[in-house]
Amino acid sequence: MAREPMAPRRAPVRTAQRPARKDPDRPSRLRLWLKRRRGLMRPAALWLIGCGLLGAGGYAIYAVDPAGRVRSVVENAAELGLSAGLEVVEVVVEGRENTPPDLIRAAIGAELGDPMLGFSPNEARERLETIAWVESAHVERRLPGTILVRLTERAPFAIWQHQGRFAVIDREGLVVETETLDAFGPLPLVVGAGAEKHAAALYDLLLAHRNILARTQALVRVGERRWNLRLHSGTDVLLPEGHEAPALNRLSELQSRNALLDRPLVAVDMRLPDRLVVRQQPVAEQPATPARRNANRSTRG
């Protein structure tokens, strides 16, 4: 029986596995990042385009009208910022104690709804520092809509009396208030021309002598060169020019030992370094009694 030749066996063929292809429908990380920030892309693009147009417009204005270039650029920037939603939403003022709020609002010069980019912090700071109470000011914009103002105010130091007028001054002698003088509590009273500029130094010396300060009603500047102390009792203490410290030391010792300032005196003159001159109240003459009158008559007779 004839046999049919058998077909030779083939070795199994192994195909190398190819790396799996990425799903073309799955976005990349960059695309995912951009997709998540798609809401910010449009304002950013508008901002960049607006800055470019603003720069080109500013250059054109500079070339054509140099005098009005700054004004036009600022106006365009303000309009651009307003269109992008940058408007004044809040004005925060820190450090205010005595400065009137209406003066602060007028100096800031910005209202709610105004364009943020049209507001100048430097100009607002300069206006704020012209207010008597304001020693210094810091102004900044905090986008998107907050204006922050920090004030450093002058501290009320004394009440200055000059030519029949009264005013609250700081330690440097600057007038900060001319009304509602009793709103700041008890303050030292300084009197005379030049007293506002030099009273702080004398007051600091008196702080070391409470027994004198407690009896002092006013610091009186005499001839714009020296001081008198007007006491509550009406006594005047005449201090030497330029030598107030040793005179006060001596006066404090006399008060502690002899209660000198509690006596009915007109004046205590300390202008001479080697002597103390005291002027007492004049003694009123006693009216003559009937017996004294009869004695005077019999003597005359």
Protein backbone atom coordinates (compact mmCIF):
# COMPACT_ATOMS: atom_id res chain seq x y z
CA MET A 1 0.00 0.00 0.00
CA ALA A 2 1.56 3.12 -1.14
CA ARG A 3 1.98 5.85 1.43
CA GLU A 4 1.52 9.49 0.63
CA PRO A 5 4.40 11.59 1.57
CA MET A 6 3.69 13.64 4.66
CA ALA A 7 4.09 17.33 4.53
CA PRO A 8 7.04 18.48 6.57
CA ARG A 9 6.17 20.15 9.86
CA ARG A 10 6.75 23.88 10.10
CA ALA A 11 8.32 25.42 13.13
CA PRO A 12 5.98 27.68 14.92
CA VAL A 13 6.52 31.31 14.03
CA ARG A 14 6.82 33.78 16.92
CA THR A 15 6.04 37.38 16.23
CA ALA A 16 7.70 40.05 18.33
CA GLN A 17 5.23 42.07 20.37
CA ARG A 18 5.10 45.69 19.33
CA PRO A 19 4.70 48.37 21.99
CA ALA A 20 1.11 49.32 22.51
CA ARG A 21 0.22 52.46 20.75
CA LYS A 22 -1.16 55.35 22.76
CA ASP A 23 -4.76 56.02 22.42
CA PRO A 24 -4.89 58.87 19.96
CA ASP A 25 -8.04 60.12 21.67
CA ARG A 26 -6.35 60.57 25.08
CA PRO A 27 -4.99 64.15 25.48
CA SER A 28 -1.42 64.78 26.62
CA ARG A 29 -0.47 66.36 29.92
CA LEU A 30 0.16 69.70 28.26
CA ARG A 31 -3.25 69.63 26.65
CA LEU A 32 -4.84 68.69 29.97
CA TRP A 33 -3.03 71.58 31.75
CA LEU A 34 -4.10 74.02 29.06
CA LYS A 35 -7.64 72.69 29.14
CA ARG A 36 -7.91 73.21 32.90
CA ARG A 37 -6.74 76.79 32.55
CA ARG A 38 -8.82 77.59 29.54
CA GLY A 39 -10.87 80.04 31.60
CA LEU A 40 -7.76 82.14 32.25
CA MET A 41 -6.39 82.01 28.75
CA ARG A 42 -8.87 84.42 27.24
CA PRO A 43 -8.34 87.26 29.79
CA ALA A 44 -4.58 86.71 29.56
CA ALA A 45 -4.69 86.85 25.77
CA LEU A 46 -6.84 89.97 25.88
CA TRP A 47 -4.42 91.49 28.37
CA LEU A 48 -1.40 90.76 26.17
CA ILE A 49 -3.16 92.05 23.09
CA GLY A 50 -4.28 95.15 24.98
CA CYS A 51 -0.77 95.80 26.27
CA GLY A 52 0.56 95.51 22.75
CA LEU A 53 -2.04 97.90 21.39
CA LEU A 54 -1.48 100.23 24.31
CA GLY A 55 2.26 100.22 23.74
CA ALA A 56 1.81 100.90 20.03
CA GLY A 57 -0.70 103.64 20.78
CA GLY A 58 1.57 105.16 23.39
CA TYR A 59 4.48 105.24 20.99
CA ALA A 60 2.32 106.87 18.35
CA ILE A 61 1.08 109.46 20.83
CA TYR A 62 4.65 110.09 21.98
CA ALA A 63 5.71 110.76 18.41
CA VAL A 64 2.74 112.97 17.54
CA ASP A 65 1.85 114.70 20.83
CA PRO A 66 4.57 114.44 23.50
CA ALA A 67 2.75 116.80 25.88
CA GLY A 68 -0.33 114.62 26.16
CA ARG A 69 1.25 111.19 25.94
CA VAL A 70 1.14 110.38 29.64
CA ARG A 71 -2.48 111.40 30.06
CA SER A 72 -3.62 109.40 27.08
CA VAL A 73 -1.68 106.29 28.08
CA VAL A 74 -3.15 106.39 31.57
CA GLU A 75 -6.67 106.82 30.24
CA ASN A 76 -6.26 103.94 27.82
CA ALA A 77 -4.83 101.72 30.55
CA ALA A 78 -7.73 102.56 32.83
CA GLU A 79 -10.28 101.72 30.15
CA LEU A 80 -8.50 98.47 29.36
CA GLY A 81 -8.39 97.50 33.03
CA LEU A 82 -12.04 98.35 33.49
CA SER A 83 -13.00 96.20 30.52
CA ALA A 84 -11.03 93.32 32.08
CA GLY A 85 -12.92 93.68 35.38
CA LEU A 86 -10.21 95.59 37.29
CA GLU A 87 -12.21 98.13 39.27
CA VAL A 88 -12.07 99.48 42.82
CA VAL A 89 -14.04 97.13 45.04
CA GLU A 90 -12.63 98.03 48.47
CA VAL A 91 -10.56 100.80 50.11
CA VAL A 92 -8.82 99.73 53.33
CA VAL A 93 -7.36 102.39 55.67
CA GLU A 94 -5.09 101.35 58.56
CA GLY A 95 -3.64 103.50 61.35
CA ARG A 96 -6.33 106.18 61.48
CA GLU A 97 -7.16 107.62 64.89
CA ASN A 98 -7.57 111.39 64.63
CA THR A 99 -7.47 112.15 60.90
CA PRO A 100 -10.97 113.12 59.67
CA PRO A 101 -12.32 110.39 57.36
CA ASP A 102 -13.67 112.90 54.83
CA LEU A 103 -10.17 114.34 54.36
CA ILE A 104 -8.81 110.83 53.81
CA ARG A 105 -11.46 110.03 51.19
CA ALA A 106 -10.80 113.28 49.35
CA ALA A 107 -7.04 112.69 49.38
CA ILE A 108 -7.33 109.10 48.10
CA GLY A 109 -9.55 110.31 45.26
CA ALA A 110 -10.96 106.89 44.34
CA GLU A 111 -14.56 105.72 44.50
CA LEU A 112 -15.97 102.21 44.33
CA GLY A 113 -16.30 101.18 40.69
CA ASP A 114 -13.44 103.38 39.44
CA PRO A 115 -10.82 101.69 37.23
CA MET A 116 -7.93 100.34 39.27
CA LEU A 117 -5.35 101.17 36.62
CA GLY A 118 -6.47 104.80 36.62
CA PHE A 119 -5.55 105.17 40.31
CA SER A 120 -2.09 106.56 41.17
CA PRO A 121 -0.76 105.43 44.58
CA ASN A 122 2.03 108.03 44.53
CA GLU A 123 -0.32 110.92 43.91
CA ALA A 124 -2.67 109.69 46.64
CA ARG A 125 0.26 109.40 49.07
CA GLU A 126 1.37 112.96 48.34
CA ARG A 127 -2.14 114.27 48.94
CA LEU A 128 -2.50 112.32 52.18
CA GLU A 129 0.77 113.70 53.54
CA THR A 130 -0.53 117.27 53.15
CA ILE A 131 -3.11 116.56 55.89
CA ALA A 132 -1.96 118.04 59.21
CA TRP A 133 -2.53 114.84 61.20
CA VAL A 134 -0.65 112.59 58.73
CA GLU A 135 3.09 112.26 59.30
CA SER A 136 3.58 109.67 56.56
CA ALA A 137 1.43 107.47 54.32
CA HIS A 138 1.86 104.27 52.33
CA VAL A 139 -0.55 103.53 49.47
CA GLU A 140 -0.63 100.47 47.24
CA ARG A 141 -2.90 98.70 44.77
CA ARG A 142 -3.74 95.09 45.40
CA LEU A 143 -5.25 93.64 42.26
CA PRO A 144 -7.86 92.91 41.32
CA GLY A 145 -9.78 95.55 43.30
CA THR A 146 -8.32 96.64 46.66
CA ILE A 147 -6.60 99.91 47.58
CA LEU A 148 -4.60 99.67 50.83
CA VAL A 149 -3.68 102.81 52.79
CA ARG A 150 -1.43 102.76 55.89
CA LEU A 151 -1.20 105.99 57.89
CA THR A 152 1.31 107.12 60.51
CA GLU A 153 -0.31 109.96 62.44
CA ARG A 154 1.24 112.71 64.53
CA ALA A 155 0.68 112.33 68.27
CA PRO A 156 -0.96 115.26 70.09
CA PHE A 157 1.53 116.69 72.59
CA ALA A 158 0.33 120.02 74.00
CA ILE A 159 -2.08 122.91 73.61
CA TRP A 160 -0.38 126.03 72.32
CA GLN A 161 -1.75 129.45 73.24
CA HIS A 162 -0.58 132.34 71.10
CA GLN A 163 -2.20 135.70 70.38
CA GLY A 164 -5.42 134.61 72.01
CA ARG A 165 -5.75 131.44 69.93
CA PHE A 166 -5.45 127.81 70.97
CA ALA A 167 -4.27 124.84 68.92
CA VAL A 168 -3.15 121.25 69.48
CA ILE A 169 0.47 120.67 68.45
CA ASP A 170 2.76 117.66 68.19
CA ARG A 171 6.23 117.44 69.74
CA GLU A 172 7.77 119.20 66.76
CA GLY A 173 5.42 122.15 67.13
CA LEU A 174 3.24 121.45 64.10
CA VAL A 175 -0.40 122.44 64.48
CA VAL A 176 -2.63 119.39 64.00
CA GLU A 177 -5.99 120.61 65.35
CA THR A 178 -7.67 123.92 66.06
CA GLU A 179 -11.11 122.64 67.08
CA THR A 180 -12.44 120.17 69.66
CA LEU A 181 -9.35 120.75 71.81
CA ASP A 182 -10.87 118.91 74.77
CA ALA A 183 -11.19 115.66 72.79
CA PHE A 184 -7.58 114.62 73.49
CA GLY A 185 -7.57 114.57 77.27
CA PRO A 186 -5.38 116.69 79.56
CA LEU A 187 -2.45 118.13 77.64
CA PRO A 188 0.29 120.53 78.79
CA LEU A 189 -0.36 124.21 78.10
CA VAL A 190 2.45 126.13 76.40
CA VAL A 191 2.22 129.88 75.87
CA GLY A 192 3.97 132.41 73.68
CA ALA A 193 5.84 132.75 70.41
CA GLY A 194 8.38 129.96 69.94
CA ALA A 195 6.87 127.88 72.74
CA GLU A 196 5.50 125.33 70.27
CA LYS A 197 8.98 124.47 68.97
CA HIS A 198 10.88 124.23 72.26
CA ALA A 199 8.31 123.06 74.81
CA ALA A 200 9.03 119.33 74.38
CA ALA A 201 12.59 119.64 75.72
CA LEU A 202 11.48 121.51 78.86
CA TYR A 203 8.56 119.15 79.42
CA ASP A 204 10.91 116.16 79.31
CA LEU A 205 12.99 117.79 82.07
CA LEU A 206 9.87 118.34 84.18
CA LEU A 207 8.97 114.66 83.90
CA ALA A 208 11.93 113.96 86.19
CA HIS A 209 10.53 116.40 88.81
CA ARG A 210 6.93 115.37 89.43
CA ASN A 211 6.66 117.59 92.50
CA ILE A 212 7.13 120.62 90.21
CA LEU A 213 5.14 119.29 87.23
CA ALA A 214 2.09 118.58 89.38
CA ARG A 215 1.99 122.27 90.43
CA THR A 216 2.66 123.69 86.94
CA GLN A 217 -0.22 125.14 84.97
CA ALA A 218 1.63 126.45 81.89
CA LEU A 219 5.05 126.69 80.28
CA VAL A 220 5.46 130.32 79.23
CA ARG A 221 8.04 131.32 76.64
CA VAL A 222 9.52 134.75 77.36
CA GLY A 223 11.14 136.76 74.57
CA GLU A 224 11.53 133.56 72.52
CA ARG A 225 14.66 132.77 74.55
CA ARG A 226 13.81 131.54 78.08
CA TRP A 227 11.00 130.02 80.19
CA ASN A 228 8.70 130.86 83.07
CA LEU A 229 6.67 128.26 84.91
CA ARG A 230 3.20 129.50 85.80
CA LEU A 231 1.98 127.50 88.81
CA HIS A 232 -1.64 126.76 89.68
CA SER A 233 -1.21 129.00 92.73
CA GLY A 234 -0.38 131.95 90.49
CA THR A 235 3.34 131.93 91.29
CA ASP A 236 5.79 132.49 88.43
CA VAL A 237 9.09 130.61 88.47
CA LEU A 238 11.66 132.45 86.34
CA LEU A 239 14.14 129.95 84.86
CA PRO A 240 17.58 130.92 83.56
CA GLU A 241 18.17 130.86 79.80
CA GLY A 242 19.89 127.67 78.70
CA HIS A 243 20.31 126.34 82.27
CA GLU A 244 16.86 124.94 82.96
CA ALA A 245 18.08 121.50 84.12
CA PRO A 246 20.23 122.62 87.09
CA ALA A 247 17.61 125.21 88.07
CA LEU A 248 14.90 122.56 88.18
CA ASN A 249 17.14 120.26 90.23
CA ARG A 250 17.64 123.03 92.78
CA LEU A 251 13.95 123.95 92.82
CA SER A 252 12.93 120.33 93.36
CA GLU A 253 15.24 120.08 96.38
CA LEU A 254 13.82 123.28 97.86
CA GLN A 255 10.30 121.98 97.39
CA SER A 256 11.12 118.65 99.04
CA ARG A 257 12.82 120.32 102.05
CA ASN A 258 10.89 123.55 102.53
CA ALA A 259 7.66 123.24 100.44
CA LEU A 260 8.70 126.46 98.74
CA LEU A 261 6.13 126.24 95.94
CA ASP A 262 3.26 125.86 98.42
CA ARG A 263 3.84 129.29 99.91
CA PRO A 264 1.88 132.39 98.83
CA LEU A 265 4.55 133.80 96.54
CA VAL A 266 4.41 136.13 93.57
CA ALA A 267 7.59 134.89 91.93
CA VAL A 268 10.64 132.71 92.40
CA ASP A 269 13.51 134.19 90.40
CA MET A 270 16.22 131.63 89.56
CA ARG A 271 17.91 133.53 86.75
CA LEU A 272 21.05 134.19 88.81
CA PRO A 273 23.14 131.07 89.41
CA ASP A 274 24.37 132.08 92.89
CA ARG A 275 21.18 133.37 94.47
CA LEU A 276 17.46 132.83 94.73
CA VAL A 277 15.11 135.81 94.82
CA VAL A 278 11.65 135.26 96.27
CA ARG A 279 8.89 137.83 96.04
CA GLN A 280 6.07 137.34 98.50
CA GLN A 281 2.47 138.37 98.25
CA PRO A 282 1.93 141.89 99.63
CA VAL A 283 0.39 141.90 103.09
CA ALA A 284 -2.93 143.68 103.14
CA GLU A 285 -3.15 146.51 105.72
CA GLN A 286 -5.46 145.77 108.63
CA PRO A 287 -8.35 148.26 109.06
CA ALA A 288 -8.02 150.43 112.18
CA THR A 289 -10.04 149.24 115.18
CA PRO A 290 -12.13 151.72 117.32
CA ALA A 291 -9.66 151.47 120.22
CA ARG A 292 -6.80 152.28 117.85
CA ARG A 293 -8.72 155.22 116.43
CA ASN A 294 -9.38 156.64 119.97
CA ALA A 295 -5.75 156.24 120.86
CA ASN A 296 -4.72 158.13 117.74
CA ARG A 297 -7.18 160.92 118.64
CA SER A 298 -5.92 161.23 122.21
CA THR A 299 -2.38 161.36 120.99
CA ARG A 300 -3.22 164.14 118.62
CA GLY A 301 -5.07 166.01 121.38
